[in-house]
Amino acid sequence: MLVQQQTIQFSEHSSLYDLIIPKDNLLRKINELIDFSFIYDELVIKYCTNNGRMAESPVRMFKYLLLKTIYTISDVDVVERSRYDMSFKYFLEMNPEDDVINSSSLTKFRKLRLKDTDLLNLLINKTVTIAVEKGIIRSKSIIVDATNTLSRSNPFSAIEVLRERSKLLRKTVYTFDDQFKGRMPQKNTDNDLEKELAYCKELEERIENEPSISSIPAVKEKLNLLKETVEDTQENFTLSKDTDAKTGHKSADSFFFGYKTHLAMTEERIITAAVVTSGEKGDGPELPKLLEMSQENGIEVDTIIGDAAYSGKENLKITNGQNIKVVARLNPSITQGFRKDEDKFDYNKDADRFICPAGHLAIRKARGGTKDVGANQVDTYYFDVKKCKTCPLKNGCYKEGAKTKTYSVSIKSEVHQDQMAFQETEYYKEKAKHRYKIEAKNSELKNVHGYDRAISYGINNMQMQGAMAIFTVNLKRILKLI
């Protein structure tokens, strides 16, 4: 039960705060900067007003989470520190003698109260509104980029998981019938997923054909687990507790397993929009959302600054329609080509490769045709045909029996002449100098506020983590500029 919000009555000991908490304390400055009642207004519908025991104030619970993000500490530690740290108690609007919550309440608050709330956009909008009201944001440019966050869970290749679960099945069978070893199929020793799947299916068939073995509950349990693994081989051939995380690529040779947060930020380093996606998603397709969200949050935009991933033809059409300049280098692979299935295959500017709809990166690239003659040149990207053969999305994409799978882009040198000319202007060169700022902001999020790794499973929890981290860096930036 949640009673109507009331003004907190401080005890006779509250005057200690004026003596102990200095005027320049970060938490005091945040309390003075922002009215957190908007959190109460947003979450009040999640509580019952006339039934159950008295609930802790949603504002205070939110502040516990904010403290956790500011100081990068655990639920247990933020509660424990709130027990004796007077600056924490002051920030939480508690009396010095008040007791703290149980740390498990924070987990329930996240799962029950913050679930299904657009916390990310709510908190960004609040900080941007404050920055605009205080005259901090004066530029009309936004800088866009994406930063990756590793999943809390480590990925395992499907072949590793299949081998582990087939091993468990064999060991269980041998526990009941050691002589069954002679009837087992020959193991696959190649690092070939297709062969491993074939071996697992043959293993299943051999055991199922022996009712005296397959009917044993322990064997049946391991057999069903192997069957499920075979059937549920993931699109990107990784299995993890974090089912929303996917494999993304930092370059042609390096990858990460987790999520991407696509950011838009002003030249004053205030984040104005954010979109959280799984790791395999490209950067460029998120630009329209970032632009729209920034504008909805009250930012007037006449220039977008980014890298080559954002100079796609669709992005240029959208921005040209709004008279917005795009300070991003053209890349022939995504700006000068007439691409088929453009919405399906996405360009990864870090690896300089295309990614197929299943999230697989092209393994190599080749260019054919006459150099500098756009009509005759074609970039061809080659994909791992072994993955294509077992891919659940192969229908309509991979032709059975084909020895190669390619995706080609025709280079048209006459397209985007205006953008190419704009790249040579002084305005472009001057604005391009601001792009480093978003790299520094990404570094702050990761190195100071723990955004390098997810603290929970699932994209919803990743969005919540992003909301708190971005809210924190925006508040700190505003306090520095006012």
Protein backbone atom coordinates (compact mmCIF):
# COMPACT_ATOMS: atom_id res chain seq x y z
CA MET A 1 0.00 0.00 0.00
CA LEU A 2 1.24 3.49 -0.85
CA VAL A 3 -0.13 6.56 0.86
CA GLN A 4 -0.39 9.89 -0.87
CA GLN A 5 3.01 11.56 -1.02
CA GLN A 6 3.67 13.84 1.92
CA THR A 7 6.38 16.26 2.97
CA ILE A 8 8.96 14.50 5.11
CA GLN A 9 9.11 15.66 8.72
CA PHE A 10 12.71 15.76 9.91
CA SER A 11 13.60 14.88 13.50
CA GLU A 12 15.45 17.06 15.97
CA HIS A 13 18.67 15.45 14.74
CA SER A 14 18.18 16.62 11.15
CA SER A 15 20.15 19.78 11.80
CA LEU A 16 23.23 17.55 11.81
CA TYR A 17 23.03 17.45 8.02
CA ASP A 18 23.80 21.18 7.79
CA LEU A 19 26.92 20.63 9.87
CA ILE A 20 28.11 17.41 8.22
CA ILE A 21 27.13 17.66 4.53
CA PRO A 22 29.12 20.41 2.74
CA LYS A 23 27.42 22.71 0.25
CA ASP A 24 29.49 21.35 -2.64
CA ASN A 25 28.66 17.69 -1.89
CA LEU A 26 27.49 15.94 -5.08
CA LEU A 27 24.41 14.39 -3.48
CA ARG A 28 23.36 17.70 -1.88
CA LYS A 29 23.72 19.41 -5.27
CA ILE A 30 21.63 16.74 -7.01
CA ASN A 31 18.87 17.06 -4.39
CA GLU A 32 18.83 20.82 -4.90
CA LEU A 33 18.90 20.53 -8.70
CA ILE A 34 16.02 18.15 -9.36
CA ASP A 35 12.56 17.51 -7.95
CA PHE A 36 12.19 13.72 -7.88
CA SER A 37 8.41 13.84 -7.54
CA PHE A 38 8.17 12.92 -11.23
CA ILE A 39 9.21 9.39 -10.19
CA TYR A 40 6.28 9.20 -7.79
CA ASP A 41 3.90 10.44 -10.49
CA GLU A 42 5.18 7.82 -12.93
CA LEU A 43 5.06 4.85 -10.54
CA VAL A 44 2.03 5.60 -8.33
CA ILE A 45 -0.21 3.44 -10.56
CA LYS A 46 1.98 0.42 -9.72
CA TYR A 47 0.91 0.54 -6.05
CA CYS A 48 -2.34 -0.17 -4.26
CA THR A 49 -3.64 2.77 -2.22
CA ASN A 50 -5.91 0.88 0.17
CA ASN A 51 -4.59 -2.65 0.66
CA GLY A 52 -1.47 -4.37 1.98
CA ARG A 53 1.28 -3.19 4.27
CA MET A 54 2.87 0.23 3.89
CA ALA A 55 5.31 0.40 0.99
CA GLU A 56 8.58 2.28 0.92
CA SER A 57 8.43 5.54 -1.02
CA PRO A 58 9.11 4.91 -4.75
CA VAL A 59 11.20 8.10 -4.79
CA ARG A 60 13.44 6.75 -2.05
CA MET A 61 13.72 3.36 -3.75
CA PHE A 62 14.69 5.07 -6.99
CA LYS A 63 17.30 7.10 -5.12
CA TYR A 64 18.83 3.91 -3.74
CA LEU A 65 19.27 2.72 -7.34
CA LEU A 66 20.74 6.08 -8.32
CA LEU A 67 23.27 5.88 -5.48
CA LYS A 68 24.15 2.37 -6.65
CA THR A 69 24.91 3.74 -10.12
CA ILE A 70 26.76 6.87 -9.02
CA TYR A 71 29.16 4.89 -6.81
CA THR A 72 29.12 1.58 -8.76
CA ILE A 73 28.31 -0.62 -5.76
CA SER A 74 26.04 -3.60 -5.17
CA ASP A 75 22.53 -3.64 -3.72
CA VAL A 76 23.87 -4.96 -0.42
CA ASP A 77 26.61 -2.34 -0.24
CA VAL A 78 24.40 0.63 -1.11
CA VAL A 79 22.02 -0.34 1.69
CA GLU A 80 24.83 -0.96 4.16
CA ARG A 81 26.51 2.35 3.34
CA SER A 82 23.17 4.13 3.73
CA ARG A 83 23.13 2.86 7.30
CA TYR A 84 26.14 4.97 8.36
CA ASP A 85 26.93 7.45 5.55
CA MET A 86 25.15 10.70 6.44
CA SER A 87 25.38 12.04 2.87
CA PHE A 88 23.46 8.96 1.69
CA LYS A 89 20.80 9.44 4.38
CA TYR A 90 20.51 13.11 3.48
CA PHE A 91 20.08 12.24 -0.21
CA LEU A 92 17.47 9.60 0.67
CA GLU A 93 15.62 12.20 2.78
CA MET A 94 15.86 10.04 5.89
CA ASN A 95 16.26 11.09 9.47
CA PRO A 96 19.70 10.29 10.91
CA GLU A 97 18.24 7.69 13.24
CA ASP A 98 16.03 5.99 10.59
CA ASP A 99 16.72 2.39 9.67
CA VAL A 100 17.41 1.30 6.10
CA ILE A 101 15.55 -1.15 3.85
CA ASN A 102 16.42 -4.78 3.23
CA SER A 103 18.57 -5.03 0.09
CA SER A 104 16.19 -7.62 -1.42
CA SER A 105 13.57 -4.86 -1.68
CA LEU A 106 15.59 -3.28 -4.49
CA THR A 107 15.25 -6.42 -6.58
CA LYS A 108 11.47 -6.44 -6.03
CA PHE A 109 11.31 -2.73 -6.86
CA ARG A 110 13.07 -3.30 -10.18
CA LYS A 111 10.93 -6.32 -11.09
CA LEU A 112 7.53 -5.14 -9.86
CA ARG A 113 7.55 -1.34 -10.00
CA LEU A 114 9.93 -0.48 -12.85
CA LYS A 115 8.72 -3.24 -15.12
CA ASP A 116 6.92 -1.98 -18.27
CA THR A 117 7.95 1.63 -17.67
CA ASP A 118 9.87 3.57 -20.30
CA LEU A 119 12.43 4.59 -17.71
CA LEU A 120 15.16 5.27 -20.27
CA ASN A 121 13.28 7.97 -22.14
CA LEU A 122 11.67 9.31 -18.96
CA LEU A 123 15.01 10.04 -17.29
CA ILE A 124 16.68 11.40 -20.42
CA ASN A 125 13.74 13.72 -21.05
CA LYS A 126 13.92 15.00 -17.47
CA THR A 127 17.63 15.86 -17.63
CA VAL A 128 17.38 17.40 -21.10
CA THR A 129 14.46 19.55 -19.92
CA ILE A 130 16.55 20.81 -16.99
CA ALA A 131 19.51 21.52 -19.28
CA VAL A 132 17.31 23.47 -21.71
CA GLU A 133 15.61 25.45 -18.91
CA LYS A 134 18.98 26.45 -17.48
CA GLY A 135 20.30 27.54 -20.86
CA ILE A 136 23.03 24.92 -20.93
CA ILE A 137 22.21 23.58 -24.40
CA ARG A 138 22.94 26.22 -27.00
CA SER A 139 24.18 24.19 -29.96
CA LYS A 140 21.91 22.70 -32.63
CA SER A 141 24.11 19.68 -33.31
CA ILE A 142 23.84 16.13 -32.04
CA ILE A 143 26.71 13.64 -32.05
CA VAL A 144 25.73 10.00 -32.58
CA ASP A 145 27.55 6.76 -31.83
CA ALA A 146 27.02 3.32 -30.31
CA THR A 147 28.79 1.67 -27.39
CA ASN A 148 28.79 -2.04 -26.59
CA THR A 149 28.10 -3.68 -23.24
CA LEU A 150 29.13 -7.25 -22.52
CA SER A 151 26.45 -9.65 -21.38
CA ARG A 152 26.59 -10.90 -17.82
CA SER A 153 26.64 -14.38 -19.28
CA ASN A 154 29.44 -15.82 -21.40
CA PRO A 155 28.42 -17.31 -24.75
CA PHE A 156 29.21 -20.86 -25.75
CA SER A 157 29.27 -22.06 -29.34
CA ALA A 158 26.54 -24.52 -30.21
CA ILE A 159 29.10 -27.21 -30.98
CA GLU A 160 30.56 -26.87 -27.46
CA VAL A 161 27.13 -27.18 -25.85
CA LEU A 162 26.16 -30.15 -28.05
CA ARG A 163 29.37 -31.99 -27.13
CA GLU A 164 28.91 -31.31 -23.44
CA ARG A 165 25.30 -32.54 -23.42
CA SER A 166 26.01 -35.61 -25.56
CA LYS A 167 28.83 -36.42 -23.12
CA LEU A 168 26.41 -36.18 -20.18
CA LEU A 169 24.01 -38.52 -21.97
CA ARG A 170 26.74 -41.10 -22.67
CA LYS A 171 28.01 -41.04 -19.07
CA THR A 172 24.48 -41.57 -17.74
CA VAL A 173 23.94 -44.52 -20.09
CA TYR A 174 27.25 -46.11 -19.05
CA THR A 175 26.18 -45.85 -15.39
CA PHE A 176 23.41 -48.36 -16.11
CA ASP A 177 24.99 -50.37 -18.95
CA ASP A 178 28.76 -50.21 -19.35
CA GLN A 179 28.59 -52.62 -22.33
CA PHE A 180 26.60 -50.07 -24.35
CA LYS A 181 29.88 -48.36 -25.36
CA GLY A 182 30.26 -50.81 -28.24
CA ARG A 183 26.93 -49.73 -29.73
CA MET A 184 27.58 -45.96 -29.61
CA PRO A 185 28.11 -44.12 -32.90
CA GLN A 186 31.57 -42.81 -33.74
CA LYS A 187 32.21 -39.36 -32.27
CA ASN A 188 32.66 -36.33 -34.48
CA THR A 189 36.19 -34.96 -34.12
CA ASP A 190 35.90 -32.13 -36.65
CA ASN A 191 34.98 -28.59 -35.67
CA ASP A 192 31.97 -28.82 -37.95
CA LEU A 193 28.52 -28.02 -36.56
CA GLU A 194 26.69 -29.94 -39.27
CA LYS A 195 28.62 -33.12 -38.48
CA GLU A 196 28.10 -32.62 -34.74
CA LEU A 197 24.35 -32.27 -35.25
CA ALA A 198 24.35 -35.46 -37.34
CA TYR A 199 26.26 -37.32 -34.60
CA CYS A 200 23.84 -36.12 -31.90
CA LYS A 201 20.83 -37.23 -33.91
CA GLU A 202 22.39 -40.66 -34.49
CA LEU A 203 23.18 -40.91 -30.77
CA GLU A 204 19.55 -40.09 -29.93
CA GLU A 205 18.30 -42.72 -32.38
CA ARG A 206 20.60 -45.47 -31.04
CA ILE A 207 19.48 -44.89 -27.45
CA GLU A 208 15.78 -44.56 -28.33
CA ASN A 209 15.98 -47.93 -30.11
CA GLU A 210 16.92 -49.52 -26.77
CA PRO A 211 13.77 -49.18 -24.59
CA SER A 212 15.50 -50.85 -21.66
CA ILE A 213 17.92 -47.89 -21.55
CA SER A 214 15.83 -44.98 -22.86
CA SER A 215 13.02 -45.67 -20.38
CA ILE A 216 15.29 -45.09 -17.37
CA PRO A 217 14.29 -41.65 -15.92
CA ALA A 218 17.88 -40.37 -15.57
CA VAL A 219 18.72 -41.35 -19.17
CA LYS A 220 15.45 -39.99 -20.47
CA GLU A 221 16.14 -36.64 -18.80
CA LYS A 222 19.57 -36.26 -20.47
CA LEU A 223 18.19 -37.51 -23.77
CA ASN A 224 15.43 -34.89 -23.80
CA LEU A 225 17.95 -32.20 -22.91
CA LEU A 226 20.12 -33.14 -25.89
CA LYS A 227 17.08 -33.22 -28.18
CA GLU A 228 16.04 -29.75 -27.07
CA THR A 229 19.56 -28.40 -27.66
CA VAL A 230 19.64 -29.83 -31.18
CA GLU A 231 16.24 -28.33 -31.99
CA ASP A 232 16.97 -24.97 -30.42
CA THR A 233 20.34 -24.24 -32.02
CA GLN A 234 20.43 -20.46 -31.97
CA GLU A 235 20.49 -18.23 -35.03
CA ASN A 236 24.02 -17.03 -34.28
CA PHE A 237 25.12 -20.43 -32.97
CA THR A 238 25.70 -19.31 -29.41
CA LEU A 239 23.86 -20.44 -26.32
CA SER A 240 23.68 -18.41 -23.14
CA LYS A 241 21.55 -17.75 -20.08
CA ASP A 242 21.07 -14.27 -21.55
CA THR A 243 18.74 -15.08 -24.42
CA ASP A 244 18.44 -11.44 -25.58
CA ALA A 245 22.18 -10.88 -25.99
CA LYS A 246 23.74 -11.43 -29.41
CA THR A 247 27.20 -11.46 -30.94
CA GLY A 248 28.38 -8.15 -32.39
CA HIS A 249 31.65 -7.26 -34.10
CA LYS A 250 34.25 -4.63 -33.16
CA SER A 251 36.31 -5.52 -36.24
CA ALA A 252 36.57 -8.28 -38.82
CA ASP A 253 38.54 -10.39 -36.33
CA SER A 254 37.13 -9.43 -32.92
CA PHE A 255 33.65 -9.74 -31.47
CA PHE A 256 31.67 -9.26 -28.28
CA PHE A 257 28.58 -10.93 -26.84
CA GLY A 258 26.02 -8.55 -25.41
CA TYR A 259 24.20 -5.35 -26.26
CA LYS A 260 24.61 -2.02 -28.01
CA THR A 261 23.44 1.34 -26.73
CA HIS A 262 22.96 3.87 -29.52
CA LEU A 263 23.42 7.42 -28.23
CA ALA A 264 22.74 10.99 -29.35
CA MET A 265 24.50 13.80 -27.50
CA THR A 266 24.77 17.57 -27.84
CA GLU A 267 28.08 19.40 -28.19
CA GLU A 268 27.66 20.32 -24.51
CA ARG A 269 27.86 16.57 -23.76
CA ILE A 270 24.24 16.12 -22.64
CA ILE A 271 22.79 12.82 -23.87
CA THR A 272 19.48 13.55 -25.61
CA ALA A 273 18.39 10.09 -26.79
CA ALA A 274 19.32 6.42 -26.38
CA VAL A 275 18.20 3.13 -27.91
CA VAL A 276 19.32 -0.25 -26.50
CA THR A 277 19.54 -3.17 -28.94
CA SER A 278 21.15 -6.59 -29.07
CA GLY A 279 24.80 -6.64 -30.07
CA GLU A 280 24.47 -7.64 -33.72
CA LYS A 281 22.40 -4.60 -34.75
CA GLY A 282 23.98 -1.99 -37.02
CA ASP A 283 24.50 1.63 -36.01
CA GLY A 284 23.07 3.40 -39.05
CA PRO A 285 19.46 2.15 -38.92
CA GLU A 286 19.03 3.64 -35.43
CA LEU A 287 19.73 7.23 -36.55
CA PRO A 288 16.09 8.13 -37.42
CA LYS A 289 14.97 7.04 -33.93
CA LEU A 290 17.75 9.00 -32.22
CA LEU A 291 16.90 12.11 -34.24
CA GLU A 292 13.17 11.84 -33.55
CA MET A 293 13.66 11.22 -29.83
CA SER A 294 16.09 14.15 -29.50
CA GLN A 295 13.61 16.45 -31.19
CA GLU A 296 10.77 15.19 -28.97
CA ASN A 297 12.96 15.97 -25.96
CA GLY A 298 13.16 19.60 -27.04
CA ILE A 299 16.40 19.69 -29.03
CA GLU A 300 16.50 21.72 -32.25
CA VAL A 301 18.78 19.88 -34.68
CA ASP A 302 20.44 21.28 -37.80
CA THR A 303 23.55 19.05 -37.86
CA ILE A 304 24.25 15.39 -37.07
CA ILE A 305 27.85 14.34 -36.41
CA GLY A 306 28.84 10.68 -36.67
CA ASP A 307 31.04 8.11 -38.38
CA ALA A 308 30.63 6.36 -41.73
CA ALA A 309 27.93 4.03 -40.39
CA TYR A 310 25.42 6.91 -40.41
CA SER A 311 25.94 8.06 -44.00
CA GLY A 312 23.53 5.55 -45.52
CA LYS A 313 21.23 6.66 -48.32
CA GLU A 314 18.06 6.36 -46.27
CA ASN A 315 19.57 8.48 -43.50
CA LEU A 316 20.64 11.15 -45.98
CA LYS A 317 17.15 11.22 -47.50
CA ILE A 318 15.55 11.72 -44.07
CA THR A 319 17.96 14.44 -43.01
CA ASN A 320 17.85 16.24 -46.35
CA GLY A 321 14.08 16.38 -46.02
CA GLN A 322 14.51 18.30 -42.75
CA ASN A 323 17.42 20.47 -43.99
CA ILE A 324 19.77 18.75 -41.53
CA LYS A 325 23.44 18.41 -42.45
CA VAL A 326 25.16 15.08 -41.85
CA VAL A 327 28.81 15.31 -40.84
CA ALA A 328 29.75 11.69 -41.57
CA ARG A 329 32.18 10.32 -44.12
CA LEU A 330 30.67 8.55 -47.09
CA ASN A 331 31.50 4.89 -47.42
CA PRO A 332 30.97 3.33 -50.87
CA SER A 333 29.64 0.11 -49.39
CA ILE A 334 26.66 1.80 -47.75
CA THR A 335 26.17 5.07 -49.59
CA GLN A 336 26.99 4.57 -53.25
CA GLY A 337 25.53 1.17 -53.88
CA PHE A 338 22.07 0.11 -54.99
CA ARG A 339 21.67 -2.68 -52.47
CA LYS A 340 19.13 -5.46 -52.65
CA ASP A 341 17.36 -6.43 -49.42
CA GLU A 342 18.75 -3.28 -47.80
CA ASP A 343 16.60 -3.75 -44.73
CA LYS A 344 17.93 -7.27 -44.15
CA PHE A 345 21.69 -7.07 -44.66
CA ASP A 346 23.33 -4.43 -42.50
CA TYR A 347 26.76 -2.82 -42.79
CA ASN A 348 29.17 -2.98 -39.84
CA LYS A 349 31.54 -0.06 -40.20
CA ASP A 350 34.02 -1.39 -37.59
CA ALA A 351 34.58 -4.66 -39.45
CA ASP A 352 33.93 -3.18 -42.94
CA ARG A 353 31.65 -6.14 -43.60
CA PHE A 354 27.95 -6.82 -44.04
CA ILE A 355 25.94 -8.82 -41.49
CA CYS A 356 23.22 -11.20 -42.66
CA PRO A 357 19.70 -11.32 -41.12
CA ALA A 358 20.83 -14.14 -38.78
CA GLY A 359 23.60 -11.94 -37.39
CA HIS A 360 26.59 -13.58 -39.12
CA LEU A 361 29.46 -11.42 -40.33
CA ALA A 362 30.84 -11.87 -43.85
CA ILE A 363 34.17 -13.72 -43.71
CA ARG A 364 35.80 -11.84 -46.60
CA LYS A 365 35.30 -9.13 -49.19
CA ALA A 366 36.38 -8.80 -52.83
CA ARG A 367 36.00 -6.04 -55.41
CA GLY A 368 35.51 -6.65 -59.11
CA GLY A 369 35.35 -4.35 -62.11
CA THR A 370 37.36 -1.40 -63.35
CA LYS A 371 38.75 0.95 -60.71
CA ASP A 372 37.12 4.41 -60.52
CA VAL A 373 34.38 3.37 -62.95
CA GLY A 374 31.38 3.13 -60.68
CA ALA A 375 29.01 1.42 -63.10
CA ASN A 376 31.32 -1.60 -63.43
CA GLN A 377 32.60 -2.04 -59.88
CA VAL A 378 31.01 -4.46 -57.44
CA ASP A 379 31.90 -5.30 -53.84
CA THR A 380 31.15 -8.95 -53.07
CA TYR A 381 30.90 -10.20 -49.49
CA TYR A 382 31.34 -13.93 -48.78
CA PHE A 383 29.62 -15.72 -45.89
CA ASP A 384 30.46 -18.99 -44.10
CA VAL A 385 28.43 -21.53 -46.05
CA LYS A 386 28.69 -24.06 -43.17
CA LYS A 387 26.61 -21.75 -41.01
CA CYS A 388 24.20 -21.11 -43.87
CA LYS A 389 23.45 -24.83 -44.24
CA THR A 390 22.11 -25.10 -40.68
CA CYS A 391 20.70 -21.58 -40.33
CA PRO A 392 16.98 -21.42 -39.40
CA LEU A 393 16.60 -18.42 -41.75
CA LYS A 394 18.12 -20.14 -44.79
CA ASN A 395 14.82 -20.40 -46.72
CA GLY A 396 14.87 -17.76 -49.43
CA CYS A 397 18.46 -16.84 -48.55
CA TYR A 398 20.60 -19.93 -49.09
CA LYS A 399 20.15 -22.30 -52.01
CA GLU A 400 20.53 -25.96 -50.99
CA GLY A 401 23.73 -27.45 -52.35
CA ALA A 402 25.38 -24.11 -53.08
CA LYS A 403 29.09 -24.02 -52.29
CA THR A 404 29.13 -20.28 -51.59
CA LYS A 405 26.85 -17.58 -50.20
CA THR A 406 27.58 -14.03 -51.31
CA TYR A 407 26.06 -10.58 -51.11
CA SER A 408 27.04 -7.98 -53.73
CA VAL A 409 26.95 -4.19 -53.76
CA SER A 410 27.25 -2.19 -56.97
CA ILE A 411 29.36 0.97 -56.66
CA LYS A 412 27.81 4.05 -58.28
CA SER A 413 30.28 6.92 -58.31
CA GLU A 414 27.75 9.56 -59.43
CA VAL A 415 25.54 9.23 -56.36
CA HIS A 416 25.82 11.64 -53.41
CA GLN A 417 27.85 14.32 -55.16
CA ASP A 418 26.35 16.96 -52.87
CA GLN A 419 27.43 15.09 -49.76
CA MET A 420 30.91 14.53 -51.20
CA ALA A 421 31.23 18.25 -51.87
CA PHE A 422 29.96 19.06 -48.35
CA GLN A 423 32.78 16.94 -46.90
CA GLU A 424 35.30 19.39 -48.29
CA THR A 425 33.77 22.49 -46.67
CA GLU A 426 35.20 24.26 -43.62
CA TYR A 427 31.88 23.82 -41.79
CA TYR A 428 32.15 20.03 -42.15
CA LYS A 429 35.76 19.98 -40.99
CA GLU A 430 34.99 22.19 -37.98
CA LYS A 431 31.98 20.15 -36.88
CA ALA A 432 33.83 16.86 -37.35
CA LYS A 433 36.23 17.93 -34.60
CA HIS A 434 33.44 17.48 -32.03
CA ARG A 435 33.01 13.74 -32.64
CA TYR A 436 35.62 12.79 -30.04
CA LYS A 437 33.28 14.04 -27.30
CA ILE A 438 30.94 11.07 -27.58
CA GLU A 439 33.88 8.67 -27.35
CA ALA A 440 34.80 10.32 -24.05
CA LYS A 441 31.19 9.98 -22.88
CA ASN A 442 31.19 6.27 -23.75
CA SER A 443 34.37 5.89 -21.73
CA GLU A 444 32.79 7.63 -18.73
CA LEU A 445 29.74 5.37 -18.87
CA LYS A 446 31.90 2.25 -18.95
CA ASN A 447 34.86 3.08 -16.74
CA VAL A 448 33.14 5.18 -14.08
CA HIS A 449 29.60 3.80 -13.95
CA GLY A 450 30.04 0.13 -14.80
CA TYR A 451 28.41 0.19 -18.24
CA ASP A 452 31.05 -2.12 -19.70
CA ARG A 453 29.12 -5.19 -18.49
CA ALA A 454 25.43 -5.89 -17.90
CA ILE A 455 24.48 -6.48 -14.26
CA SER A 456 21.38 -8.56 -15.11
CA TYR A 457 20.03 -10.77 -17.88
CA GLY A 458 17.73 -9.55 -20.64
CA ILE A 459 17.30 -6.43 -22.74
CA ASN A 460 14.73 -4.91 -20.36
CA ASN A 461 17.26 -4.95 -17.53
CA MET A 462 19.88 -3.58 -19.90
CA GLN A 463 17.56 -0.65 -20.69
CA MET A 464 17.08 -0.06 -16.98
CA GLN A 465 20.84 -0.10 -16.39
CA GLY A 466 21.30 2.31 -19.30
CA ALA A 467 18.61 4.62 -17.94
CA MET A 468 20.32 4.94 -14.55
CA ALA A 469 23.81 5.35 -16.01
CA ILE A 470 22.76 8.01 -18.55
CA PHE A 471 20.67 9.85 -15.94
CA THR A 472 23.73 9.94 -13.69
CA VAL A 473 26.20 11.27 -16.29
CA ASN A 474 23.69 13.88 -17.46
CA LEU A 475 23.10 15.13 -13.91
CA LYS A 476 26.84 15.35 -13.26
CA ARG A 477 27.38 17.24 -16.52
CA ILE A 478 24.58 19.72 -15.76
CA LEU A 479 25.99 20.37 -12.29
CA LYS A 480 29.39 21.05 -13.84
CA LEU A 481 28.03 23.55 -16.36
CA ILE A 482 25.65 25.60 -14.20
